[in-house]
Amino acid sequence: MGTMGLALPWKARISSTLRERGTRVQPSEQFAGGPSPAAVDALSEDAALATACRSGDLRAYERLYAMHGGRMKNLARNVLGNPIDAEDAVQDTFLKVQRSIASFRGQSSFVTWTYRILINTCYDARRSRLRKKEVANDDSVETPRPEPRAPGAHPTLRMALERALGKLTRHQRDVFLLYEVEGFRHAEIAGMLEMTETASKNTLFQAKKNLRQMLEPPRSGAADTR
């Protein structure tokens, strides 16, 4: 059996919560159309998904999971370092989306809003794990390991990259993972990390600069022998 055919334990919990609250349909979000037909279709799909989730339609949550669950787990695994914590983070994210869907106002796309909740959930899990590590003085906490979709580089280079990523600031590391590993656009990253698109580009530039400095072999010059 493949790893993608996963049971959805959040489904029953969402269903029971909806029964307790009762469901209600609210007016759909208004989205400005763009010049591109594909962009308009994407916005319409996003708005329809948001409206269906708000109305308590479990099929909409299933569609959200089918469309983005795999990518969400990959992102969470890269941030947290292991698949077990990543699975927990994605399940927690879907529950948080259900609980806070009424607060969604359309300032960003619904999917971007969902990823923002995922990233914040990963941040919370990472902080919690670090606190537990400090209390237990346990060295078993793993370092986030980027896992690109394409086959990885040489193991030695990969380990060096993992160590270098661990030395970046949190924002530099996360922008690098979202852009270079997950393939998100800067406009999407800006919405997820609540920064401007320009700040996302500048952060990526600085992250790459720092990584190059850490990964490039030291140059040996004649001046060192004097």
Protein backbone atom coordinates (compact mmCIF):
# COMPACT_ATOMS: atom_id res chain seq x y z
CA MET A 1 0.00 0.00 0.00
CA GLY A 2 1.28 3.47 -0.81
CA THR A 3 1.81 6.12 1.78
CA MET A 4 -0.61 8.52 0.09
CA GLY A 5 -3.71 6.37 0.69
CA LEU A 6 -4.01 7.49 4.28
CA ALA A 7 -6.99 7.31 6.54
CA LEU A 8 -8.35 10.67 7.57
CA PRO A 9 -8.80 10.52 11.35
CA TRP A 10 -9.69 14.23 11.40
CA LYS A 11 -12.81 13.51 9.33
CA ALA A 12 -14.90 11.99 12.12
CA ARG A 13 -13.77 14.68 14.59
CA ILE A 14 -14.77 17.45 12.18
CA SER A 15 -18.10 15.75 11.58
CA SER A 16 -18.89 15.52 15.29
CA THR A 17 -17.91 19.16 15.83
CA LEU A 18 -20.16 20.27 13.00
CA ARG A 19 -23.09 18.32 14.44
CA GLU A 20 -22.56 20.03 17.78
CA ARG A 21 -22.44 23.50 16.23
CA GLY A 22 -24.97 23.03 13.48
CA THR A 23 -24.14 24.14 9.98
CA ARG A 24 -25.02 27.32 8.18
CA VAL A 25 -24.27 28.67 4.77
CA GLN A 26 -22.76 32.13 4.70
CA PRO A 27 -22.31 34.43 1.69
CA SER A 28 -19.36 33.50 -0.47
CA GLU A 29 -16.15 35.52 -0.40
CA GLN A 30 -15.76 38.12 -3.12
CA PHE A 31 -12.60 37.74 -5.17
CA ALA A 32 -11.31 40.18 -7.77
CA GLY A 33 -10.89 38.54 -11.15
CA GLY A 34 -7.55 38.72 -12.94
CA PRO A 35 -6.77 39.09 -16.61
CA SER A 36 -5.83 35.42 -17.06
CA PRO A 37 -8.68 32.90 -17.50
CA ALA A 38 -6.61 30.33 -15.60
CA ALA A 39 -6.20 32.76 -12.70
CA VAL A 40 -9.95 33.45 -12.71
CA ASP A 41 -10.65 29.70 -12.65
CA ALA A 42 -8.22 29.23 -9.76
CA LEU A 43 -9.84 32.06 -7.80
CA SER A 44 -13.31 30.66 -8.49
CA GLU A 45 -12.21 27.22 -7.37
CA ASP A 46 -10.62 28.69 -4.27
CA ALA A 47 -13.73 30.72 -3.42
CA ALA A 48 -16.02 27.75 -4.00
CA LEU A 49 -13.86 25.57 -1.77
CA ALA A 50 -13.88 28.19 0.99
CA THR A 51 -17.65 28.57 0.81
CA ALA A 52 -18.23 24.82 0.89
CA CYS A 53 -15.92 24.34 3.86
CA ARG A 54 -17.62 27.20 5.70
CA SER A 55 -21.02 25.57 5.13
CA GLY A 56 -19.76 22.39 6.82
CA ASP A 57 -19.54 20.25 3.68
CA LEU A 58 -17.19 17.39 4.56
CA ARG A 59 -16.64 16.67 0.87
CA ALA A 60 -14.98 20.07 0.56
CA TYR A 61 -12.50 19.16 3.31
CA GLU A 62 -11.88 15.86 1.56
CA ARG A 63 -11.21 17.73 -1.68
CA LEU A 64 -8.85 20.13 0.10
CA TYR A 65 -6.99 17.12 1.49
CA ALA A 66 -6.92 15.34 -1.87
CA MET A 67 -5.55 18.45 -3.58
CA HIS A 68 -3.01 19.56 -0.98
CA GLY A 69 -2.58 16.87 1.68
CA GLY A 70 0.55 15.36 0.14
CA ARG A 71 2.23 18.71 -0.38
CA MET A 72 1.26 19.83 3.12
CA LYS A 73 2.82 16.71 4.65
CA ASN A 74 6.00 17.21 2.63
CA LEU A 75 6.27 20.82 3.79
CA ALA A 76 5.60 19.84 7.42
CA ARG A 77 8.19 17.07 7.20
CA ASN A 78 10.78 19.51 5.89
CA VAL A 79 10.06 21.97 8.71
CA LEU A 80 9.78 19.41 11.53
CA GLY A 81 12.24 16.77 10.36
CA ASN A 82 10.18 13.58 10.53
CA PRO A 83 6.99 12.14 9.00
CA ILE A 84 5.22 11.33 12.28
CA ASP A 85 5.25 14.93 13.52
CA ALA A 86 4.35 16.06 9.98
CA GLU A 87 1.26 13.84 9.92
CA ASP A 88 0.17 15.20 13.31
CA ALA A 89 0.70 18.79 12.13
CA VAL A 90 -1.43 18.28 9.01
CA GLN A 91 -4.25 16.68 11.02
CA ASP A 92 -4.11 19.54 13.55
CA THR A 93 -4.19 22.02 10.67
CA PHE A 94 -7.40 20.60 9.23
CA LEU A 95 -9.06 20.75 12.62
CA LYS A 96 -7.92 24.37 13.09
CA VAL A 97 -9.22 25.27 9.63
CA GLN A 98 -12.61 23.82 10.55
CA ARG A 99 -12.71 25.60 13.91
CA SER A 100 -11.67 29.01 12.53
CA ILE A 101 -13.24 28.93 9.05
CA ALA A 102 -15.75 31.64 10.06
CA SER A 103 -12.83 34.07 10.55
CA PHE A 104 -11.63 33.68 6.94
CA ARG A 105 -12.24 36.99 5.18
CA GLY A 106 -10.51 36.50 1.84
CA GLN A 107 -7.54 38.82 2.34
CA SER A 108 -5.53 35.98 0.78
CA SER A 109 -6.63 32.84 -1.03
CA PHE A 110 -8.25 30.12 1.06
CA VAL A 111 -5.46 27.68 0.22
CA THR A 112 -2.78 30.21 1.19
CA TRP A 113 -4.65 30.80 4.46
CA THR A 114 -4.67 27.04 5.06
CA TYR A 115 -0.91 26.79 4.50
CA ARG A 116 -0.37 29.72 6.87
CA ILE A 117 -2.20 27.75 9.57
CA LEU A 118 -0.03 24.72 8.75
CA ILE A 119 3.19 26.72 9.06
CA ASN A 120 2.11 28.22 12.38
CA THR A 121 1.13 24.74 13.58
CA CYS A 122 4.62 23.52 12.63
CA TYR A 123 6.19 26.47 14.48
CA ASP A 124 4.17 25.59 17.59
CA ALA A 125 5.18 21.94 17.35
CA ARG A 126 8.82 22.88 16.87
CA ARG A 127 8.79 25.17 19.91
CA SER A 128 7.05 22.51 22.01
CA ARG A 129 9.59 19.90 20.97
CA LEU A 130 12.50 22.21 21.78
CA ARG A 131 11.04 22.84 25.25
CA LYS A 132 10.71 19.11 25.83
CA LYS A 133 14.27 18.61 24.66
CA GLU A 134 15.53 21.21 27.12
CA VAL A 135 13.66 19.55 29.97
CA ALA A 136 14.75 16.03 29.06
CA ASN A 137 18.18 17.02 27.70
CA ASP A 138 17.44 14.60 24.88
CA ASP A 139 19.50 14.67 21.70
CA SER A 140 16.97 12.67 19.71
CA VAL A 141 15.22 15.73 18.19
CA GLU A 142 15.87 15.67 14.48
CA THR A 143 17.06 18.55 12.35
CA PRO A 144 14.67 19.59 9.57
CA ARG A 145 15.68 17.75 6.39
CA PRO A 146 14.68 19.14 3.01
CA GLU A 147 13.21 16.46 0.76
CA PRO A 148 12.81 17.75 -2.81
CA ARG A 149 10.52 15.94 -5.22
CA ALA A 150 13.43 15.17 -7.53
CA PRO A 151 16.09 12.60 -6.54
CA GLY A 152 18.43 14.05 -3.94
CA ALA A 153 22.02 15.08 -4.38
CA HIS A 154 25.06 13.18 -3.11
CA PRO A 155 24.51 12.17 0.57
CA THR A 156 27.56 14.11 1.76
CA LEU A 157 26.37 17.29 0.05
CA ARG A 158 22.85 16.70 1.39
CA MET A 159 24.12 16.45 4.98
CA ALA A 160 26.18 19.61 4.50
CA LEU A 161 23.09 21.40 3.18
CA GLU A 162 21.03 20.24 6.18
CA ARG A 163 23.65 21.58 8.60
CA ALA A 164 23.86 24.87 6.71
CA LEU A 165 20.06 25.28 6.68
CA GLY A 166 20.06 24.79 10.43
CA LYS A 167 22.32 27.86 10.77
CA LEU A 168 20.01 30.18 8.83
CA THR A 169 17.46 32.39 10.55
CA ARG A 170 13.98 30.88 10.77
CA HIS A 171 12.58 33.14 8.03
CA GLN A 172 15.53 32.49 5.72
CA ARG A 173 15.21 28.74 6.18
CA ASP A 174 11.44 28.72 5.69
CA VAL A 175 11.48 30.95 2.59
CA PHE A 176 14.22 28.77 1.10
CA LEU A 177 12.23 25.58 1.79
CA LEU A 178 8.98 27.03 0.46
CA TYR A 179 10.55 28.43 -2.73
CA GLU A 180 13.39 26.08 -3.64
CA VAL A 181 12.07 22.79 -2.25
CA GLU A 182 8.28 23.13 -2.38
CA GLY A 183 8.09 25.36 -5.46
CA PHE A 184 5.76 28.06 -4.15
CA ARG A 185 5.81 31.52 -5.76
CA HIS A 186 6.93 34.58 -3.80
CA ALA A 187 3.36 35.93 -3.82
CA GLU A 188 2.17 32.72 -2.15
CA ILE A 189 5.03 32.71 0.35
CA ALA A 190 4.27 36.31 1.27
CA GLY A 191 0.73 35.29 2.23
CA MET A 192 1.87 32.24 4.17
CA LEU A 193 4.56 33.99 6.19
CA GLU A 194 2.70 37.33 6.42
CA MET A 195 5.43 39.39 4.77
CA THR A 196 5.62 41.40 1.57
CA GLU A 197 6.56 39.78 -1.73
CA THR A 198 9.68 41.97 -1.85
CA ALA A 199 10.67 40.82 1.63
CA SER A 200 10.27 37.20 0.51
CA LYS A 201 12.57 37.77 -2.48
CA ASN A 202 15.15 39.58 -0.35
CA THR A 203 15.03 36.86 2.32
CA LEU A 204 15.61 34.17 -0.31
CA PHE A 205 18.54 36.14 -1.75
CA GLN A 206 20.11 36.43 1.70
CA ALA A 207 19.48 32.75 2.44
CA LYS A 208 21.22 31.68 -0.78
CA LYS A 209 24.11 34.05 -0.11
CA ASN A 210 24.60 32.62 3.39
CA LEU A 211 24.32 29.04 2.13
CA ARG A 212 26.94 29.67 -0.56
CA GLN A 213 29.33 31.11 2.01
CA MET A 214 28.84 28.07 4.26
CA LEU A 215 28.99 25.45 1.52
CA GLU A 216 31.78 26.78 -0.71
CA PRO A 217 35.18 25.25 0.11
CA PRO A 218 37.70 27.71 1.60
CA ARG A 219 40.07 29.21 -0.93
CA SER A 220 43.76 28.61 -0.34
CA GLY A 221 45.90 31.56 -1.37
CA ALA A 222 49.55 32.40 -1.34
CA ALA A 223 48.82 35.16 1.13
CA ASP A 224 48.14 32.56 3.81
CA THR A 225 51.74 31.34 3.74
CA ARG A 226 53.27 34.75 4.37
